[in-house]
């Protein structure tokens, strides 16, 4: 099995495990992860937060979105166009529409977000303790992060999504912090 096949097999395995979570178990871990994020002071400095909008069995980001709106922190969400993805400012859920694969995305009326000193919550199927990740296979976040090197990166994951090491490609960029239901993993200092 080559590296690509190994990554695909690990992705399938961990996503299947995530999809098998019982609703009450998932909700409990989502609340614990949300609490860790809410307690993390650097998130509330006023920097724009670029947030994936959870879909399916992903860690639920909708309560975080609501809290960012409530605290008047600038928020942006991704929108896919072909093989590219960019982030667009949103001020409320009413600005979202079903997009790529049915995932909620900012409507065409939303302005493109400037990255500046922003924080981005990156989704993934698998993470290792050094912050490297295996995404869903489309490469959208890899391409985005390769161009926008100045953004600070975070992730939220269930504990079983953390493995000792993932196979890396030369373009992979580690996330700086991973929040799980049981711990916060720091792969590099968030400045």
Protein backbone atom coordinates (compact mmCIF):
# COMPACT_ATOMS: atom_id res chain seq x y z
CA UNK A 1 0.00 0.00 0.00
CA UNK A 2 1.48 3.38 -0.99
CA UNK A 3 1.25 6.59 1.07
CA UNK A 4 -1.90 7.85 -0.67
CA UNK A 5 -3.69 4.52 -0.10
CA UNK A 6 -2.62 4.51 3.57
CA UNK A 7 -3.98 8.05 4.04
CA UNK A 8 -7.27 7.10 2.36
CA UNK A 9 -7.62 3.97 4.51
CA UNK A 10 -6.98 5.92 7.73
CA UNK A 11 -9.40 8.65 6.64
CA UNK A 12 -12.13 6.08 5.90
CA UNK A 13 -11.54 4.30 9.22
CA UNK A 14 -11.71 7.45 11.37
CA UNK A 15 -14.67 8.94 9.50
CA UNK A 16 -16.56 5.65 9.90
CA UNK A 17 -15.82 5.76 13.63
CA UNK A 18 -17.00 9.38 13.79
CA UNK A 19 -20.18 8.48 11.88
CA UNK A 20 -20.90 5.71 14.41
CA UNK A 21 -20.93 8.09 17.40
CA UNK A 22 -24.17 7.89 19.36
CA UNK A 23 -25.98 11.27 19.31
CA UNK A 24 -25.74 11.72 23.10
CA UNK A 25 -22.02 10.85 23.06
CA UNK A 26 -21.38 13.30 20.21
CA UNK A 27 -23.37 16.09 21.92
CA UNK A 28 -21.44 15.60 25.16
CA UNK A 29 -18.06 15.81 23.41
CA UNK A 30 -19.23 18.78 21.30
CA UNK A 31 -20.11 20.66 24.51
CA UNK A 32 -16.70 19.84 26.04
CA UNK A 33 -14.86 21.00 22.91
CA UNK A 34 -16.97 24.16 22.75
CA UNK A 35 -16.15 24.92 26.39
CA UNK A 36 -12.41 24.58 25.69
CA UNK A 37 -12.73 26.94 22.71
CA UNK A 38 -14.82 29.44 24.68
CA UNK A 39 -12.30 29.39 27.53
CA UNK A 40 -9.37 30.05 25.19
CA UNK A 41 -8.74 33.78 25.56
CA UNK A 42 -6.83 34.45 22.28
CA UNK A 43 -10.01 33.60 20.35
CA UNK A 44 -11.72 36.67 21.82
CA UNK A 45 -9.17 39.38 20.97
CA UNK A 46 -11.31 40.70 18.13
CA UNK A 47 -9.35 39.04 15.33
CA UNK A 48 -11.61 37.76 12.55
CA UNK A 49 -12.45 34.06 12.93
CA UNK A 50 -12.70 31.97 9.77
CA UNK A 51 -14.95 29.09 10.69
CA UNK A 52 -15.97 25.94 8.88
CA UNK A 53 -19.69 25.32 9.19
CA UNK A 54 -20.05 21.81 10.53
CA UNK A 55 -21.86 19.25 8.47
CA UNK A 56 -22.73 15.62 9.16
CA UNK A 57 -20.70 14.11 11.98
CA UNK A 58 -18.10 16.91 12.24
CA UNK A 59 -17.53 18.62 15.59
CA UNK A 60 -20.49 20.99 15.89
CA UNK A 61 -19.31 24.56 15.19
CA UNK A 62 -22.78 26.18 15.13
CA UNK A 63 -22.81 27.14 18.85
CA UNK A 64 -19.37 28.73 18.38
CA UNK A 65 -20.72 30.67 15.40
CA UNK A 66 -23.58 31.98 17.54
CA UNK A 67 -21.18 33.02 20.30
CA UNK A 68 -18.91 34.82 17.82
CA UNK A 69 -21.93 36.72 16.50
CA UNK A 70 -23.05 37.52 20.06
CA UNK A 71 -19.60 38.89 20.98
CA UNK A 72 -19.44 40.85 17.72
CA UNK A 73 -16.25 39.09 16.55
CA UNK A 74 -15.92 39.30 12.74
CA UNK A 75 -16.75 35.91 11.19
CA UNK A 76 -16.09 34.43 7.77
CA UNK A 77 -17.14 31.07 6.35
CA UNK A 78 -15.87 29.13 3.31
CA UNK A 79 -17.43 29.00 -0.11
CA UNK A 80 -16.22 26.61 -2.81
CA UNK A 81 -15.95 27.53 -6.50
CA UNK A 82 -14.63 24.72 -8.66
CA UNK A 83 -11.39 23.50 -7.10
CA UNK A 84 -10.84 26.63 -5.03
CA UNK A 85 -12.21 27.82 -1.72
CA UNK A 86 -12.29 31.29 -0.21
CA UNK A 87 -13.81 32.87 2.89
CA UNK A 88 -16.63 35.42 2.95
CA UNK A 89 -17.83 37.64 5.79
CA UNK A 90 -21.15 36.73 7.35
CA UNK A 91 -23.20 38.58 9.95
CA UNK A 92 -25.97 36.03 10.50
CA UNK A 93 -27.16 32.56 9.53
CA UNK A 94 -29.69 34.09 7.15
CA UNK A 95 -26.76 34.84 4.80
CA UNK A 96 -26.04 31.12 4.31
CA UNK A 97 -27.18 28.91 1.43
CA UNK A 98 -26.71 25.23 0.58
CA UNK A 99 -23.47 24.97 -1.37
CA UNK A 100 -20.84 22.41 -2.28
CA UNK A 101 -22.13 18.92 -1.36
CA UNK A 102 -25.05 20.57 0.45
CA UNK A 103 -22.77 22.24 3.01
CA UNK A 104 -23.95 25.70 4.11
CA UNK A 105 -21.95 28.51 2.48
CA UNK A 106 -22.11 32.30 2.44
CA UNK A 107 -24.47 33.61 -0.22
CA UNK A 108 -23.16 35.34 -3.35
CA UNK A 109 -23.96 38.72 -1.72
CA UNK A 110 -21.38 38.26 1.05
CA UNK A 111 -18.10 40.16 0.65
CA UNK A 112 -14.79 38.32 0.42
CA UNK A 113 -12.97 38.34 3.77
CA UNK A 114 -9.51 39.81 4.16
CA UNK A 115 -7.22 37.38 5.98
CA UNK A 116 -5.03 39.87 7.86
CA UNK A 117 -4.52 38.67 11.43
CA UNK A 118 -7.30 36.10 11.31
CA UNK A 119 -7.76 32.76 13.05
CA UNK A 120 -9.02 29.80 11.02
CA UNK A 121 -10.70 26.70 12.43
CA UNK A 122 -9.65 23.90 10.07
CA UNK A 123 -11.71 20.71 9.70
CA UNK A 124 -10.17 17.28 9.29
CA UNK A 125 -10.66 13.55 9.51
CA UNK A 126 -7.41 12.74 11.33
CA UNK A 127 -4.81 14.79 13.24
CA UNK A 128 -1.49 13.97 14.85
CA UNK A 129 0.07 15.51 17.93
CA UNK A 130 2.34 17.73 15.84
CA UNK A 131 -0.71 19.34 14.25
CA UNK A 132 -0.60 17.62 10.87
CA UNK A 133 -3.92 16.52 9.45
CA UNK A 134 -5.63 14.41 6.89
CA UNK A 135 -8.60 16.27 5.48
CA UNK A 136 -11.41 14.93 3.36
CA UNK A 137 -9.37 14.50 0.20
CA UNK A 138 -10.37 17.58 -1.81
CA UNK A 139 -7.31 19.67 -0.87
CA UNK A 140 -9.35 22.88 -0.40
CA UNK A 141 -7.82 23.85 2.94
CA UNK A 142 -4.32 22.78 1.85
CA UNK A 143 -4.51 25.09 -1.18
CA UNK A 144 -6.02 27.92 0.88
CA UNK A 145 -3.39 27.70 3.64
CA UNK A 146 -0.55 27.49 1.10
CA UNK A 147 -1.53 30.95 -0.15
CA UNK A 148 -2.60 32.50 3.18
CA UNK A 149 0.41 31.77 5.36
CA UNK A 150 -0.33 34.54 7.88
CA UNK A 151 -3.50 33.01 9.36
CA UNK A 152 -3.36 31.29 12.74
CA UNK A 153 -4.72 27.74 12.59
CA UNK A 154 -6.86 25.79 15.05
CA UNK A 155 -8.77 22.54 14.86
CA UNK A 156 -11.50 20.79 16.82
CA UNK A 157 -11.58 17.00 16.93
CA UNK A 158 -12.86 14.04 18.88
CA UNK A 159 -10.17 12.26 20.93
CA UNK A 160 -10.14 9.18 18.69
CA UNK A 161 -9.28 11.39 15.69
CA UNK A 162 -5.83 12.03 17.21
CA UNK A 163 -3.18 9.52 16.11
CA UNK A 164 0.53 9.32 16.77
CA UNK A 165 1.56 10.37 13.26
CA UNK A 166 -0.06 11.02 9.89
CA UNK A 167 1.63 10.69 6.53
CA UNK A 168 2.62 14.17 5.39
CA UNK A 169 3.04 15.74 2.00
CA UNK A 170 5.53 18.56 1.33
CA UNK A 171 2.71 21.14 1.17
CA UNK A 172 1.08 20.14 4.48
CA UNK A 173 0.95 22.80 7.16
CA UNK A 174 0.27 21.83 10.78
CA UNK A 175 -2.48 23.47 12.78
CA UNK A 176 -1.20 25.33 15.82
CA UNK A 177 -3.72 23.99 18.34
CA UNK A 178 -6.20 21.14 18.44
CA UNK A 179 -9.11 21.22 20.88
CA UNK A 180 -10.60 17.87 21.87
CA UNK A 181 -13.10 16.86 24.53
CA UNK A 182 -10.26 15.80 26.85
CA UNK A 183 -7.28 18.02 26.03
CA UNK A 184 -5.79 20.90 24.12
CA UNK A 185 -2.86 19.87 21.94
CA UNK A 186 -0.33 22.57 21.19
CA UNK A 187 1.82 21.83 18.15
CA UNK A 188 3.35 25.30 18.05
CA UNK A 189 2.91 28.46 20.07
CA UNK A 190 0.07 30.67 19.00
CA UNK A 191 1.40 34.23 18.90
